[in-house]
C-alpha atoms as a PDB file:
ATOM      1  CA  MET A   1      12.967 -71.122  75.265  1.00  0.00           C
ATOM      2  CA  PRO A   2      11.639 -68.649  72.437  1.00  0.00           C
ATOM      3  CA  HIS A   3      11.578 -69.880  68.826  1.00  0.00           C
ATOM      4  CA  THR A   4      13.717 -68.455  66.574  1.00  0.00           C
ATOM      5  CA  ASN A   5      13.619 -68.376  62.365  1.00  0.00           C
ATOM      6  CA  THR A   6      16.903 -68.935  62.421  1.00  0.00           C
ATOM      7  CA  SER A   7      16.483 -72.528  61.738  1.00  0.00           C
ATOM      8  CA  GLY A   8      13.944 -71.828  58.402  1.00  0.00           C
ATOM      9  CA  ILE A   9      16.562 -69.399  57.065  1.00  0.00           C
ATOM     10  CA  GLN A  10      19.312 -71.577  57.308  1.00  0.00           C
ATOM     11  CA  ARG A  11      17.481 -74.140  55.540  1.00  0.00           C
ATOM     12  CA  LEU A  12      16.184 -71.626  52.826  1.00  0.00           C
ATOM     13  CA  LEU A  13      19.808 -70.796  52.405  1.00  0.00           C
ATOM     14  CA  SER A  14      21.287 -74.202  52.037  1.00  0.00           C
ATOM     15  CA  GLU A  15      23.805 -75.124  49.552  1.00  0.00           C
ATOM     16  CA  ARG A  16      20.865 -77.485  47.977  1.00  0.00           C
ATOM     17  CA  ASN A  17      18.320 -74.966  47.619  1.00  0.00           C
ATOM     18  CA  ILE A  18      20.605 -72.157  46.328  1.00  0.00           C
ATOM     19  CA  HIS A  19      21.975 -74.844  43.816  1.00  0.00           C
ATOM     20  CA  LEU A  20      18.739 -75.388  42.945  1.00  0.00           C
ATOM     21  CA  VAL A  21      17.785 -71.883  42.108  1.00  0.00           C
ATOM     22  CA  PHE A  22      20.997 -71.621  40.379  1.00  0.00           C
ATOM     23  CA  ASP A  23      20.206 -74.498  37.866  1.00  0.00           C
ATOM     24  CA  VAL A  24      16.360 -73.312  37.247  1.00  0.00           C
ATOM     25  CA  SER A  25      17.817 -69.504  36.587  1.00  0.00           C
ATOM     26  CA  LEU A  26      19.948 -71.317  34.486  1.00  0.00           C
ATOM     27  CA  TRP A  27      17.111 -73.336  32.486  1.00  0.00           C
ATOM     28  CA  LEU A  28      15.350 -69.966  32.578  1.00  0.00           C
ATOM     29  CA  LYS A  29      18.186 -68.078  30.694  1.00  0.00           C
ATOM     30  CA  ALA A  30      18.310 -70.955  28.104  1.00  0.00           C
ATOM     31  CA  VAL A  31      14.757 -70.860  27.068  1.00  0.00           C
ATOM     32  CA  PHE A  32      15.267 -67.138  26.854  1.00  0.00           C
ATOM     33  CA  ALA A  33      18.542 -67.838  24.833  1.00  0.00           C
ATOM     34  CA  LEU A  34      16.914 -70.027  22.548  1.00  0.00           C
ATOM     35  CA  GLY A  35      13.734 -67.765  22.070  1.00  0.00           C
ATOM     36  CA  GLU A  36      16.038 -64.901  21.246  1.00  0.00           C
ATOM     37  CA  ILE A  37      17.832 -66.930  18.761  1.00  0.00           C
ATOM     38  CA  VAL A  38      14.549 -67.963  17.532  1.00  0.00           C
ATOM     39  CA  SER A  39      13.390 -64.579  17.171  1.00  0.00           C
ATOM     40  CA  GLY A  40      16.428 -63.517  15.673  1.00  0.00           C
ATOM     41  CA  ILE A  41      16.190 -65.833  12.813  1.00  0.00           C
ATOM     42  CA  ALA A  42      12.567 -64.930  12.248  1.00  0.00           C
ATOM     43  CA  THR A  43      13.361 -61.070  12.130  1.00  0.00           C
ATOM     44  CA  TYR A  44      15.939 -62.023   9.383  1.00  0.00           C
ATOM     45  CA  LEU A  45      13.302 -63.909   7.505  1.00  0.00           C
ATOM     46  CA  VAL A  46      10.291 -61.491   8.060  1.00  0.00           C
ATOM     47  CA  SER A  47       9.613 -59.063   5.349  1.00  0.00           C
ATOM     48  CA  LYS A  48       8.634 -55.745   6.467  1.00  0.00           C
ATOM     49  CA  GLU A  49       5.102 -55.936   4.557  1.00  0.00           C
ATOM     50  CA  LEU A  50       4.407 -59.109   6.813  1.00  0.00           C
ATOM     51  CA  LEU A  51       5.722 -57.546   9.943  1.00  0.00           C
ATOM     52  CA  VAL A  52       3.337 -54.648   9.617  1.00  0.00           C
ATOM     53  CA  GLN A  53       0.702 -57.421   8.734  1.00  0.00           C
ATOM     54  CA  ILE A  54       1.536 -59.265  11.894  1.00  0.00           C
ATOM     55  CA  VAL A  55       1.194 -56.025  14.329  1.00  0.00           C
ATOM     56  CA  LEU A  56      -1.771 -54.948  12.618  1.00  0.00           C
ATOM     57  CA  PHE A  57      -3.559 -58.279  13.284  1.00  0.00           C
ATOM     58  CA  ILE A  58      -2.067 -58.354  17.152  1.00  0.00           C
ATOM     59  CA  THR A  59      -3.402 -54.431  17.532  1.00  0.00           C
ATOM     60  CA  ARG A  60      -6.135 -54.783  16.142  1.00  0.00           C
ATOM     61  CA  ALA A  61      -8.741 -55.176  19.220  1.00  0.00           C
ATOM     62  CA  GLU A  62      -6.860 -52.716  21.044  1.00  0.00           C
ATOM     63  CA  PHE A  63      -7.265 -50.189  18.070  1.00  0.00           C
ATOM     64  CA  ALA A  64     -11.204 -51.131  17.930  1.00  0.00           C
ATOM     65  CA  GLU A  65     -11.356 -50.403  22.039  1.00  0.00           C
ATOM     66  CA  ASP A  66      -8.941 -47.540  21.775  1.00  0.00           C
ATOM     67  CA  PRO A  67      -8.064 -45.786  18.337  1.00  0.00           C
ATOM     68  CA  HIS A  68      -5.702 -43.852  20.265  1.00  0.00           C
ATOM     69  CA  ASP A  69      -4.123 -46.506  22.274  1.00  0.00           C
ATOM     70  CA  GLN A  70      -0.360 -45.704  23.017  1.00  0.00           C
ATOM     71  CA  LEU A  71       1.268 -49.261  22.826  1.00  0.00           C
ATOM     72  CA  ALA A  72      -0.479 -50.134  20.073  1.00  0.00           C
ATOM     73  CA  SER A  73       0.273 -47.252  18.129  1.00  0.00           C
ATOM     74  CA  TYR A  74       3.890 -47.267  18.740  1.00  0.00           C
ATOM     75  CA  LEU A  75       3.987 -50.929  17.557  1.00  0.00           C
ATOM     76  CA  LEU A  76       2.785 -49.882  14.468  1.00  0.00           C
ATOM     77  CA  HIS A  77       4.822 -46.995  13.791  1.00  0.00           C
ATOM     78  CA  THR A  78       7.821 -48.842  14.857  1.00  0.00           C
ATOM     79  CA  ALA A  79       6.805 -51.727  12.477  1.00  0.00           C
ATOM     80  CA  GLN A  80       6.083 -49.294   9.148  1.00  0.00           C
ATOM     81  CA  ASN A  81       9.448 -47.085   9.723  1.00  0.00           C
ATOM     82  CA  LEU A  82      12.052 -50.199  10.274  1.00  0.00           C
ATOM     83  CA  SER A  83      14.617 -50.044   8.022  1.00  0.00           C
ATOM     84  CA  ILE A  84      16.742 -52.771   6.605  1.00  0.00           C
ATOM     85  CA  GLY A  85      19.543 -51.905   8.670  1.00  0.00           C
ATOM     86  CA  ALA A  86      17.768 -51.989  12.065  1.00  0.00           C
ATOM     87  CA  ARG A  87      16.311 -55.247  10.906  1.00  0.00           C
ATOM     88  CA  ASP A  88      19.334 -56.940   9.888  1.00  0.00           C
ATOM     89  CA  PHE A  89      21.174 -55.310  13.062  1.00  0.00           C
ATOM     90  CA  ALA A  90      18.248 -56.872  15.441  1.00  0.00           C
ATOM     91  CA  ALA A  91      18.396 -60.280  13.827  1.00  0.00           C
ATOM     92  CA  ILE A  92      22.045 -60.342  14.260  1.00  0.00           C
ATOM     93  CA  TYR A  93      22.254 -59.108  17.945  1.00  0.00           C
ATOM     94  CA  LEU A  94      19.198 -61.554  18.622  1.00  0.00           C
ATOM     95  CA  ILE A  95      21.329 -64.476  17.352  1.00  0.00           C
ATOM     96  CA  ALA A  96      24.696 -63.471  18.666  1.00  0.00           C
ATOM     97  CA  HIS A  97      23.346 -62.724  22.055  1.00  0.00           C
ATOM     98  CA  GLY A  98      21.518 -66.036  22.254  1.00  0.00           C
ATOM     99  CA  VAL A  99      24.215 -67.989  21.068  1.00  0.00           C
ATOM    100  CA  VAL A 100      26.785 -66.935  23.435  1.00  0.00           C
ATOM    101  CA  LYS A 101      24.281 -67.155  26.119  1.00  0.00           C
ATOM    102  CA  LEU A 102      23.284 -70.779  25.408  1.00  0.00           C
ATOM    103  CA  TRP A 103      26.735 -71.701  25.217  1.00  0.00           C
ATOM    104  CA  LEU A 104      27.780 -70.076  28.675  1.00  0.00           C
ATOM    105  CA  ILE A 105      24.709 -72.160  29.683  1.00  0.00           C
ATOM    106  CA  VAL A 106      25.754 -75.089  28.843  1.00  0.00           C
ATOM    107  CA  GLY A 107      29.446 -74.648  30.069  1.00  0.00           C
ATOM    108  CA  LEU A 108      27.768 -73.576  33.617  1.00  0.00           C
ATOM    109  CA  LEU A 109      25.833 -76.759  33.411  1.00  0.00           C
ATOM    110  CA  ARG A 110      28.512 -78.723  32.936  1.00  0.00           C
ATOM    111  CA  LYS A 111      30.446 -77.390  35.775  1.00  0.00           C
ATOM    112  CA  ARG A 112      33.543 -76.139  34.053  1.00  0.00           C
ATOM    113  CA  LEU A 113      35.493 -73.827  36.386  1.00  0.00           C
ATOM    114  CA  TRP A 114      36.454 -71.563  34.022  1.00  0.00           C
ATOM    115  CA  TYR A 115      33.197 -70.744  32.232  1.00  0.00           C
ATOM    116  CA  TYR A 116      31.749 -69.249  35.816  1.00  0.00           C
ATOM    117  CA  PRO A 117      34.192 -66.120  35.758  1.00  0.00           C
ATOM    118  CA  THR A 118      33.612 -65.933  31.942  1.00  0.00           C
ATOM    119  CA  ALA A 119      30.130 -66.176  32.247  1.00  0.00           C
ATOM    120  CA  MET A 120      29.921 -63.633  35.266  1.00  0.00           C
ATOM    121  CA  VAL A 121      32.051 -61.168  32.994  1.00  0.00           C
ATOM    122  CA  VAL A 122      30.000 -61.309  29.811  1.00  0.00           C
ATOM    123  CA  PHE A 123      26.671 -61.142  32.065  1.00  0.00           C
ATOM    124  CA  GLY A 124      27.729 -58.098  33.619  1.00  0.00           C
ATOM    125  CA  LEU A 125      28.766 -56.587  29.851  1.00  0.00           C
ATOM    126  CA  PHE A 126      25.092 -57.711  28.769  1.00  0.00           C
ATOM    127  CA  ILE A 127      24.146 -55.411  32.035  1.00  0.00           C
ATOM    128  CA  VAL A 128      26.129 -52.401  30.828  1.00  0.00           C
ATOM    129  CA  TYR A 129      24.103 -52.245  27.649  1.00  0.00           C
ATOM    130  CA  GLN A 130      20.917 -53.151  29.160  1.00  0.00           C
ATOM    131  CA  LEU A 131      21.454 -50.419  30.945  1.00  0.00           C
ATOM    132  CA  TYR A 132      22.547 -48.183  28.306  1.00  0.00           C
ATOM    133  CA  ARG A 133      19.495 -49.397  25.951  1.00  0.00           C
ATOM    134  CA  PHE A 134      17.216 -48.592  29.180  1.00  0.00           C
ATOM    135  CA  ALA A 135      18.380 -44.972  29.286  1.00  0.00           C
ATOM    136  CA  PHE A 136      16.776 -44.519  25.584  1.00  0.00           C
ATOM    137  CA  THR A 137      14.132 -46.686  25.685  1.00  0.00           C
ATOM    138  CA  HIS A 138      12.867 -46.738  29.219  1.00  0.00           C
ATOM    139  CA  SER A 139      11.409 -50.504  28.706  1.00  0.00           C
ATOM    140  CA  LEU A 140      10.861 -52.150  32.157  1.00  0.00           C
ATOM    141  CA  LEU A 141      11.717 -55.320  30.368  1.00  0.00           C
ATOM    142  CA  LEU A 142      15.403 -54.296  30.304  1.00  0.00           C
ATOM    143  CA  ILE A 143      14.966 -53.891  33.873  1.00  0.00           C
ATOM    144  CA  LEU A 144      13.615 -57.367  34.532  1.00  0.00           C
ATOM    145  CA  ILE A 145      16.036 -59.059  32.574  1.00  0.00           C
ATOM    146  CA  THR A 146      18.599 -56.791  33.992  1.00  0.00           C
ATOM    147  CA  VAL A 147      17.359 -57.707  37.669  1.00  0.00           C
ATOM    148  CA  LEU A 148      17.454 -61.639  36.642  1.00  0.00           C
ATOM    149  CA  ASP A 149      21.230 -61.030  35.211  1.00  0.00           C
ATOM    150  CA  LEU A 150      22.254 -59.365  38.825  1.00  0.00           C
ATOM    151  CA  VAL A 151      20.570 -62.792  40.479  1.00  0.00           C
ATOM    152  CA  VAL A 152      22.149 -64.840  37.824  1.00  0.00           C
ATOM    153  CA  ILE A 153      25.726 -63.473  38.406  1.00  0.00           C
ATOM    154  CA  ALA A 154      25.196 -63.638  42.346  1.00  0.00           C
ATOM    155  CA  LEU A 155      24.411 -67.254  42.176  1.00  0.00           C
ATOM    156  CA  THR A 156      27.227 -67.933  39.590  1.00  0.00           C
ATOM    157  CA  TRP A 157      29.710 -66.342  42.098  1.00  0.00           C
ATOM    158  CA  HIS A 158      28.207 -68.306  44.762  1.00  0.00           C
ATOM    159  CA  GLU A 159      28.396 -71.901  42.645  1.00  0.00           C
ATOM    160  CA  TRP A 160      31.981 -70.979  41.527  1.00  0.00           C
ATOM    161  CA  ARG A 161      33.330 -70.269  45.087  1.00  0.00           C
ATOM    162  CA  TYR A 162      31.339 -73.687  46.015  1.00  0.00           C
ATOM    163  CA  LEU A 163      32.492 -75.708  43.332  1.00  0.00           C
ATOM    164  CA  ARG A 164      36.187 -74.269  43.687  1.00  0.00           C
ATOM    165  CA  ARG A 165      36.092 -75.090  47.443  1.00  0.00           C
ATOM    166  CA  THR A 166      34.565 -78.858  47.266  1.00  0.00           C
ATOM    167  CA  LEU A 167      37.039 -79.489  44.545  1.00  0.00           C
ATOM    168  CA  HIS A 168      40.023 -78.141  46.595  1.00  0.00           C
ATOM    169  CA  GLU A 169      38.587 -80.504  49.708  1.00  0.00           C
ATOM    170  CA  ARG A 170      38.411 -83.285  47.331  1.00  0.00           C
ATOM    171  CA  ALA A 171      42.157 -82.906  45.982  1.00  0.00           C
ATOM    172  CA  ARG A 172      43.116 -82.465  49.870  1.00  0.00           C
ATOM    173  CA  ILE A 173      41.359 -85.812  50.688  1.00  0.00           C
ATOM    174  CA  VAL A 174      43.102 -87.884  47.718  1.00  0.00           C
ATOM    175  CA  ARG A 175      46.352 -86.904  48.719  1.00  0.00           C
END
């Protein structure tokens, strides 16, 4: 009898493994959300002059190696031309985005049913905005974040359906 890889795939896609991936992805998003909050606060508190000095320090080696380095030039140009309004917007956006994500993640980790559809909608809206921003920035980081968000939405959908089915079955047993 030929050996099939079906059992290996079934083990990989077991509820326990899917739940583990879901939890790990939530914890990763929580770390990123905390990073956004800290970055937003730092963005608000750091002066333009200090930001330029930090960028100069970070890019010093790149400019020594290649005075025309595009990434280093872009970072320095951006820091030098950052307006107060843009800085404040970035700070508020990072803080708000991080707080909303963290709030949703805590609700998902606590298995509160109404957080699941809410999180899927909010993460979907983040994806729409990230794709809109990508049209202007062409940032690969935005694409990576969007892919992670799509995975989290799919896992959230799966977890929500599994949790609802489990709660429904438990309620039927109690009756």
